[in-house]
Amino acid sequence: MPITNLSDQLRRDEADKQFAYDDATGKTLLKGMTLIANLTIGVGHNLTANGLSQKVRDFILADDEAIVTAALEANFPWTMGLDEARKGALLNLTFNIGSLSKWPKFMAAMKAGDWPTAKAELLDSAANHQEPQRISRLAIQVETGFWQ
């Protein structure tokens, strides 16, 4: 399925799982064959037994996207003028690493529209060593302005 928006990209890069998992390892929270805990959320919703429906996961993703977008635009108002794919790359990175303020050279290149330098800064980042496939895709997206 081609990637055409932030939601599709985050489902691929962050995962879309019905049951609780360890974000660091991607493993479902199991100990042997026994669940570690009866994880519950909201008003008595047992995640261990019931997980989250696709409808709820879609709602949470949309809410998280709105929160991250508001934070990005508050910290970097100029991002409101970016095309959807390049802004989507910044939002994807924010989901992954948090605030982009710790990447001043990358953000300066993005603000200036210097896409080759922004790509190079992204590929030279510590994040590229942790998630090279994801960062490589986002670097191409930053350079070309097309969803990857």
N, C-alpha and C. Protein backbone atom coordinates (compact mmCIF):
# COMPACT_ATOMS: atom_id res chain seq x y z
N MET A 1 0.85 -1.18 0.00
CA MET A 1 0.00 0.00 0.00
C MET A 1 0.89 1.23 0.00
N PRO A 2 0.70 2.16 -0.95
CA PRO A 2 1.54 3.35 -0.98
C PRO A 2 1.25 4.26 0.21
N ILE A 3 2.28 4.94 0.65
CA ILE A 3 2.16 5.88 1.76
C ILE A 3 1.78 7.23 1.18
N THR A 4 0.64 7.79 1.65
CA THR A 4 0.18 9.07 1.13
C THR A 4 -0.14 10.08 2.21
N ASN A 5 0.07 9.69 3.48
CA ASN A 5 -0.24 10.62 4.57
C ASN A 5 0.46 10.18 5.85
N LEU A 6 0.39 11.05 6.86
CA LEU A 6 1.07 10.79 8.12
C LEU A 6 0.51 9.56 8.83
N SER A 7 -0.80 9.37 8.84
CA SER A 7 -1.39 8.22 9.54
C SER A 7 -0.87 6.90 8.99
N ASP A 8 -0.85 6.76 7.65
CA ASP A 8 -0.32 5.53 7.05
C ASP A 8 1.14 5.33 7.41
N GLN A 9 1.90 6.42 7.37
CA GLN A 9 3.32 6.34 7.66
C GLN A 9 3.56 5.94 9.11
N LEU A 10 2.81 6.53 10.05
CA LEU A 10 3.00 6.20 11.47
C LEU A 10 2.54 4.79 11.78
N ARG A 11 1.50 4.31 11.11
CA ARG A 11 1.08 2.92 11.33
C ARG A 11 2.22 1.96 10.95
N ARG A 12 2.93 2.29 9.88
CA ARG A 12 4.06 1.46 9.46
C ARG A 12 5.25 1.64 10.42
N ASP A 13 5.59 2.87 10.74
CA ASP A 13 6.81 3.14 11.50
C ASP A 13 6.67 2.95 13.00
N GLU A 14 5.50 3.19 13.55
CA GLU A 14 5.30 3.05 15.00
C GLU A 14 4.65 1.73 15.37
N ALA A 15 4.01 1.08 14.43
CA ALA A 15 3.26 -0.16 14.62
C ALA A 15 1.83 0.14 15.03
N ASP A 16 0.96 -0.78 14.76
CA ASP A 16 -0.45 -0.66 15.09
C ASP A 16 -0.86 -2.00 15.69
N LYS A 17 -0.79 -2.08 17.00
CA LYS A 17 -1.02 -3.35 17.67
C LYS A 17 -2.24 -3.27 18.58
N GLN A 18 -2.97 -4.35 18.61
CA GLN A 18 -4.18 -4.41 19.42
C GLN A 18 -3.86 -4.55 20.90
N PHE A 19 -2.75 -5.17 21.24
CA PHE A 19 -2.43 -5.44 22.64
C PHE A 19 -1.20 -4.64 23.07
N ALA A 20 -1.09 -4.38 24.37
CA ALA A 20 0.02 -3.62 24.92
C ALA A 20 1.34 -4.30 24.58
N TYR A 21 2.35 -3.48 24.32
CA TYR A 21 3.67 -4.01 23.99
C TYR A 21 4.74 -3.08 24.53
N ASP A 22 5.95 -3.60 24.61
CA ASP A 22 7.11 -2.83 25.05
C ASP A 22 7.62 -2.07 23.84
N ASP A 23 7.54 -0.74 23.86
CA ASP A 23 7.93 0.07 22.72
C ASP A 23 9.41 -0.10 22.37
N ALA A 24 10.24 -0.40 23.37
CA ALA A 24 11.68 -0.55 23.12
C ALA A 24 12.00 -1.84 22.36
N THR A 25 11.26 -2.89 22.62
CA THR A 25 11.56 -4.19 22.00
C THR A 25 10.53 -4.61 20.97
N GLY A 26 9.33 -4.05 21.04
CA GLY A 26 8.26 -4.46 20.15
C GLY A 26 7.56 -5.73 20.59
N LYS A 27 7.99 -6.30 21.71
CA LYS A 27 7.42 -7.56 22.17
C LYS A 27 6.14 -7.31 22.96
N THR A 28 5.15 -8.16 22.71
CA THR A 28 3.93 -8.12 23.50
C THR A 28 4.31 -8.41 24.95
N LEU A 29 3.66 -7.75 25.86
CA LEU A 29 4.03 -7.87 27.27
C LEU A 29 3.64 -9.22 27.84
N LEU A 30 4.53 -10.18 27.65
CA LEU A 30 4.33 -11.54 28.14
C LEU A 30 5.54 -11.96 28.97
N LYS A 31 5.33 -12.82 29.90
CA LYS A 31 6.43 -13.43 30.65
C LYS A 31 6.22 -14.92 30.50
N GLY A 32 7.06 -15.54 29.66
CA GLY A 32 6.81 -16.93 29.31
C GLY A 32 5.51 -16.96 28.53
N MET A 33 4.55 -17.73 29.00
CA MET A 33 3.24 -17.77 28.37
C MET A 33 2.19 -17.08 29.24
N THR A 34 2.63 -16.43 30.31
CA THR A 34 1.70 -15.75 31.21
C THR A 34 1.84 -14.25 31.05
N LEU A 35 0.73 -13.57 30.93
CA LEU A 35 0.77 -12.12 30.83
C LEU A 35 1.31 -11.54 32.13
N ILE A 36 2.13 -10.49 32.00
CA ILE A 36 2.74 -9.87 33.17
C ILE A 36 1.68 -9.24 34.07
N ALA A 37 0.68 -8.59 33.50
CA ALA A 37 -0.30 -7.88 34.32
C ALA A 37 -1.61 -7.78 33.57
N ASN A 38 -2.64 -7.49 34.29
CA ASN A 38 -3.92 -7.18 33.67
C ASN A 38 -3.96 -5.68 33.44
N LEU A 39 -3.41 -5.26 32.33
CA LEU A 39 -3.36 -3.84 32.01
C LEU A 39 -4.77 -3.34 31.73
N THR A 40 -5.13 -2.27 32.39
CA THR A 40 -6.46 -1.69 32.24
C THR A 40 -6.31 -0.22 31.93
N ILE A 41 -7.22 0.29 31.13
CA ILE A 41 -7.18 1.70 30.76
C ILE A 41 -8.60 2.24 30.75
N GLY A 42 -8.71 3.56 30.91
CA GLY A 42 -10.02 4.19 30.85
C GLY A 42 -10.92 3.71 31.97
N VAL A 43 -12.13 3.42 31.64
CA VAL A 43 -13.12 3.00 32.63
C VAL A 43 -13.21 1.48 32.62
N GLY A 44 -12.22 0.85 33.25
CA GLY A 44 -12.22 -0.59 33.41
C GLY A 44 -12.01 -1.40 32.15
N HIS A 45 -11.42 -0.80 31.12
CA HIS A 45 -11.17 -1.55 29.89
C HIS A 45 -9.90 -2.36 30.06
N ASN A 46 -10.04 -3.67 30.06
CA ASN A 46 -8.91 -4.57 30.27
C ASN A 46 -8.16 -4.75 28.96
N LEU A 47 -6.98 -4.13 28.87
CA LEU A 47 -6.16 -4.25 27.66
C LEU A 47 -5.63 -5.65 27.47
N THR A 48 -5.31 -6.31 28.57
CA THR A 48 -4.73 -7.64 28.49
C THR A 48 -5.69 -8.61 27.81
N ALA A 49 -6.94 -8.55 28.19
CA ALA A 49 -7.93 -9.50 27.64
C ALA A 49 -8.54 -9.02 26.34
N ASN A 50 -8.76 -7.70 26.22
CA ASN A 50 -9.53 -7.18 25.10
C ASN A 50 -8.75 -6.38 24.08
N GLY A 51 -7.56 -5.91 24.46
CA GLY A 51 -6.81 -5.06 23.55
C GLY A 51 -7.59 -3.80 23.22
N LEU A 52 -7.29 -3.22 22.07
CA LEU A 52 -7.99 -2.02 21.60
C LEU A 52 -8.54 -2.30 20.21
N SER A 53 -9.77 -1.91 19.98
CA SER A 53 -10.36 -2.10 18.65
C SER A 53 -9.68 -1.17 17.66
N GLN A 54 -9.84 -1.47 16.38
CA GLN A 54 -9.27 -0.60 15.34
C GLN A 54 -9.85 0.80 15.44
N LYS A 55 -11.13 0.90 15.75
CA LYS A 55 -11.79 2.21 15.87
C LYS A 55 -11.12 3.03 16.97
N VAL A 56 -10.83 2.41 18.10
CA VAL A 56 -10.18 3.12 19.21
C VAL A 56 -8.75 3.48 18.84
N ARG A 57 -8.02 2.57 18.20
CA ARG A 57 -6.64 2.86 17.79
C ARG A 57 -6.62 4.01 16.79
N ASP A 58 -7.58 4.07 15.87
CA ASP A 58 -7.67 5.17 14.92
C ASP A 58 -7.93 6.49 15.63
N PHE A 59 -8.81 6.47 16.63
CA PHE A 59 -9.12 7.68 17.39
C PHE A 59 -7.88 8.16 18.15
N ILE A 60 -7.17 7.25 18.80
CA ILE A 60 -5.97 7.61 19.57
C ILE A 60 -4.91 8.19 18.63
N LEU A 61 -4.72 7.57 17.47
CA LEU A 61 -3.74 8.07 16.51
C LEU A 61 -4.10 9.48 16.06
N ALA A 62 -5.36 9.71 15.72
CA ALA A 62 -5.79 11.04 15.29
C ALA A 62 -5.57 12.07 16.40
N ASP A 63 -5.87 11.68 17.63
CA ASP A 63 -5.66 12.58 18.76
C ASP A 63 -4.18 12.87 18.96
N ASP A 64 -3.35 11.83 18.90
CA ASP A 64 -1.90 12.01 19.05
C ASP A 64 -1.34 12.88 17.92
N GLU A 65 -1.82 12.68 16.70
CA GLU A 65 -1.36 13.51 15.58
C GLU A 65 -1.71 14.97 15.83
N ALA A 66 -2.90 15.26 16.34
CA ALA A 66 -3.31 16.63 16.61
C ALA A 66 -2.43 17.26 17.70
N ILE A 67 -2.11 16.50 18.73
CA ILE A 67 -1.27 17.00 19.82
C ILE A 67 0.13 17.29 19.31
N VAL A 68 0.71 16.37 18.54
CA VAL A 68 2.07 16.55 18.03
C VAL A 68 2.11 17.70 17.03
N THR A 69 1.09 17.83 16.20
CA THR A 69 1.04 18.93 15.23
C THR A 69 0.98 20.27 15.95
N ALA A 70 0.14 20.37 16.97
CA ALA A 70 0.04 21.63 17.73
C ALA A 70 1.37 21.98 18.39
N ALA A 71 2.05 20.99 18.93
CA ALA A 71 3.35 21.24 19.59
C ALA A 71 4.39 21.68 18.56
N LEU A 72 4.44 21.00 17.41
CA LEU A 72 5.41 21.37 16.37
C LEU A 72 5.16 22.80 15.90
N GLU A 73 3.90 23.13 15.64
CA GLU A 73 3.57 24.47 15.14
C GLU A 73 3.80 25.55 16.19
N ALA A 74 3.62 25.21 17.47
CA ALA A 74 3.86 26.19 18.54
C ALA A 74 5.36 26.47 18.67
N ASN A 75 6.18 25.44 18.55
CA ASN A 75 7.63 25.59 18.69
C ASN A 75 8.30 26.09 17.41
N PHE A 76 7.73 25.75 16.27
CA PHE A 76 8.30 26.12 14.97
C PHE A 76 7.16 26.59 14.06
N PRO A 77 6.66 27.83 14.26
CA PRO A 77 5.51 28.30 13.48
C PRO A 77 5.70 28.24 11.97
N TRP A 78 6.93 28.35 11.51
CA TRP A 78 7.21 28.32 10.08
C TRP A 78 6.84 26.98 9.45
N THR A 79 6.69 25.91 10.26
CA THR A 79 6.34 24.60 9.70
C THR A 79 4.94 24.59 9.10
N MET A 80 4.11 25.58 9.48
CA MET A 80 2.76 25.65 8.91
C MET A 80 2.81 25.92 7.40
N GLY A 81 3.92 26.47 6.91
CA GLY A 81 4.06 26.77 5.49
C GLY A 81 4.68 25.65 4.68
N LEU A 82 5.08 24.57 5.33
CA LEU A 82 5.68 23.45 4.60
C LEU A 82 4.62 22.65 3.85
N ASP A 83 5.04 22.00 2.78
CA ASP A 83 4.13 21.08 2.10
C ASP A 83 3.82 19.91 3.03
N GLU A 84 2.74 19.20 2.73
CA GLU A 84 2.24 18.14 3.62
C GLU A 84 3.26 17.03 3.87
N ALA A 85 3.99 16.62 2.84
CA ALA A 85 4.93 15.50 3.00
C ALA A 85 6.12 15.90 3.87
N ARG A 86 6.68 17.09 3.67
CA ARG A 86 7.83 17.51 4.49
C ARG A 86 7.39 17.76 5.94
N LYS A 87 6.24 18.38 6.11
CA LYS A 87 5.74 18.56 7.48
C LYS A 87 5.45 17.20 8.10
N GLY A 88 4.93 16.28 7.32
CA GLY A 88 4.68 14.92 7.80
C GLY A 88 5.96 14.25 8.27
N ALA A 89 7.07 14.49 7.57
CA ALA A 89 8.35 13.93 8.00
C ALA A 89 8.73 14.48 9.37
N LEU A 90 8.53 15.78 9.57
CA LEU A 90 8.84 16.38 10.87
C LEU A 90 7.94 15.81 11.97
N LEU A 91 6.69 15.60 11.66
CA LEU A 91 5.77 15.03 12.65
C LEU A 91 6.14 13.59 12.97
N ASN A 92 6.52 12.83 11.95
CA ASN A 92 6.96 11.45 12.16
C ASN A 92 8.18 11.44 13.06
N LEU A 93 9.14 12.32 12.80
CA LEU A 93 10.34 12.40 13.64
C LEU A 93 9.97 12.78 15.07
N THR A 94 9.01 13.68 15.23
CA THR A 94 8.59 14.10 16.57
C THR A 94 7.97 12.92 17.31
N PHE A 95 7.18 12.10 16.63
CA PHE A 95 6.64 10.88 17.25
C PHE A 95 7.78 9.99 17.72
N ASN A 96 8.84 9.92 16.93
CA ASN A 96 9.93 9.00 17.19
C ASN A 96 10.91 9.50 18.25
N ILE A 97 11.32 10.77 18.17
CA ILE A 97 12.38 11.25 19.05
C ILE A 97 11.96 12.35 20.00
N GLY A 98 10.76 12.87 19.85
CA GLY A 98 10.35 13.99 20.69
C GLY A 98 10.69 15.32 20.03
N SER A 99 11.03 16.30 20.84
CA SER A 99 11.28 17.65 20.35
C SER A 99 12.42 17.68 19.33
N LEU A 100 12.20 18.44 18.27
CA LEU A 100 13.23 18.58 17.24
C LEU A 100 14.17 19.74 17.54
N SER A 101 13.98 20.41 18.65
CA SER A 101 14.84 21.54 19.00
C SER A 101 16.27 21.11 19.27
N LYS A 102 16.48 19.83 19.56
CA LYS A 102 17.85 19.34 19.77
C LYS A 102 18.58 19.09 18.45
N TRP A 103 17.94 19.37 17.34
CA TRP A 103 18.54 19.23 16.01
C TRP A 103 18.55 20.59 15.30
N PRO A 104 19.30 21.56 15.81
CA PRO A 104 19.23 22.93 15.25
C PRO A 104 19.70 23.03 13.79
N LYS A 105 20.71 22.30 13.39
CA LYS A 105 21.19 22.38 12.00
C LYS A 105 20.15 21.82 11.04
N PHE A 106 19.56 20.70 11.42
CA PHE A 106 18.52 20.09 10.60
C PHE A 106 17.32 21.03 10.47
N MET A 107 16.89 21.59 11.59
CA MET A 107 15.72 22.46 11.56
C MET A 107 16.02 23.77 10.82
N ALA A 108 17.24 24.29 10.93
CA ALA A 108 17.60 25.50 10.18
C ALA A 108 17.56 25.22 8.67
N ALA A 109 18.04 24.06 8.27
CA ALA A 109 17.99 23.70 6.85
C ALA A 109 16.55 23.54 6.38
N MET A 110 15.70 22.93 7.23
CA MET A 110 14.28 22.78 6.88
C MET A 110 13.63 24.15 6.72
N LYS A 111 13.90 25.04 7.67
CA LYS A 111 13.30 26.38 7.62
C LYS A 111 13.73 27.13 6.37
N ALA A 112 14.99 26.95 5.96
CA ALA A 112 15.53 27.62 4.78
C ALA A 112 15.11 26.95 3.47
N GLY A 113 14.50 25.78 3.56
CA GLY A 113 14.14 25.05 2.34
C GLY A 113 15.35 24.45 1.66
N ASP A 114 16.41 24.25 2.42
CA ASP A 114 17.64 23.64 1.90
C ASP A 114 17.52 22.13 2.08
N TRP A 115 16.78 21.51 1.18
CA TRP A 115 16.43 20.09 1.32
C TRP A 115 17.65 19.16 1.28
N PRO A 116 18.66 19.39 0.42
CA PRO A 116 19.83 18.50 0.45
C PRO A 116 20.57 18.55 1.79
N THR A 117 20.70 19.73 2.38
CA THR A 117 21.37 19.84 3.69
C THR A 117 20.51 19.20 4.76
N ALA A 118 19.20 19.41 4.73
CA ALA A 118 18.31 18.79 5.72
C ALA A 118 18.41 17.27 5.63
N LYS A 119 18.43 16.75 4.41
CA LYS A 119 18.58 15.30 4.22
C LYS A 119 19.89 14.82 4.82
N ALA A 120 20.99 15.52 4.52
CA ALA A 120 22.30 15.13 5.02
C ALA A 120 22.35 15.17 6.55
N GLU A 121 21.77 16.20 7.15
CA GLU A 121 21.74 16.31 8.61
C GLU A 121 20.95 15.16 9.23
N LEU A 122 19.85 14.80 8.60
CA LEU A 122 19.03 13.70 9.10
C LEU A 122 19.79 12.38 9.01
N LEU A 123 20.47 12.16 7.90
CA LEU A 123 21.23 10.92 7.73
C LEU A 123 22.44 10.86 8.65
N ASP A 124 22.90 12.03 9.10
CA ASP A 124 24.06 12.09 10.01
C ASP A 124 23.64 12.04 11.48
N SER A 125 22.37 11.90 11.75
CA SER A 125 21.86 11.95 13.13
C SER A 125 22.00 10.61 13.84
N ALA A 126 21.97 10.67 15.17
CA ALA A 126 21.99 9.45 15.98
C ALA A 126 20.77 8.59 15.68
N ALA A 127 19.67 9.21 15.34
CA ALA A 127 18.44 8.47 15.03
C ALA A 127 18.66 7.53 13.85
N ASN A 128 19.51 7.93 12.91
CA ASN A 128 19.77 7.08 11.74
C ASN A 128 20.47 5.78 12.15
N HIS A 129 21.25 5.83 13.21
CA HIS A 129 21.91 4.61 13.68
C HIS A 129 20.93 3.69 14.40
N GLN A 130 19.88 4.28 14.99
CA GLN A 130 18.89 3.49 15.72
C GLN A 130 17.83 2.92 14.80
N GLU A 131 17.38 3.70 13.84
CA GLU A 131 16.33 3.25 12.91
C GLU A 131 16.68 3.65 11.48
N PRO A 132 17.69 3.01 10.91
CA PRO A 132 18.18 3.44 9.59
C PRO A 132 17.14 3.37 8.46
N GLN A 133 16.27 2.37 8.46
CA GLN A 133 15.28 2.29 7.39
C GLN A 133 14.29 3.44 7.47
N ARG A 134 13.80 3.70 8.66
CA ARG A 134 12.83 4.78 8.85
C ARG A 134 13.46 6.12 8.51
N ILE A 135 14.65 6.39 9.02
CA ILE A 135 15.30 7.68 8.80
C ILE A 135 15.67 7.85 7.33
N SER A 136 16.09 6.79 6.68
CA SER A 136 16.41 6.85 5.25
C SER A 136 15.18 7.25 4.44
N ARG A 137 14.04 6.65 4.75
CA ARG A 137 12.79 7.01 4.06
C ARG A 137 12.44 8.47 4.31
N LEU A 138 12.55 8.90 5.57
CA LEU A 138 12.18 10.28 5.90
C LEU A 138 13.15 11.27 5.26
N ALA A 139 14.42 10.90 5.15
CA ALA A 139 15.40 11.78 4.50
C ALA A 139 15.04 11.98 3.03
N ILE A 140 14.62 10.92 2.37
CA ILE A 140 14.18 11.04 0.97
C ILE A 140 12.92 11.90 0.89
N GLN A 141 12.02 11.72 1.83
CA GLN A 141 10.78 12.50 1.87
C GLN A 141 11.08 13.98 2.06
N VAL A 142 12.02 14.30 2.94
CA VAL A 142 12.43 15.68 3.17
C VAL A 142 13.02 16.27 1.89
N GLU A 143 13.86 15.51 1.22
CA GLU A 143 14.52 16.02 0.02
C GLU A 143 13.55 16.20 -1.16
N THR A 144 12.64 15.23 -1.33
CA THR A 144 11.79 15.24 -2.54
C THR A 144 10.43 15.88 -2.35
N GLY A 145 9.93 15.88 -1.10
CA GLY A 145 8.57 16.38 -0.88
C GLY A 145 7.50 15.36 -1.24
N PHE A 146 7.91 14.10 -1.39
CA PHE A 146 6.95 13.02 -1.68
C PHE A 146 6.94 12.02 -0.54
N TRP A 147 5.75 11.54 -0.18
CA TRP A 147 5.60 10.56 0.89
C TRP A 147 6.39 9.29 0.57
N GLN A 148 7.06 8.76 1.54
CA GLN A 148 7.84 7.54 1.37
C GLN A 148 7.30 6.46 2.29
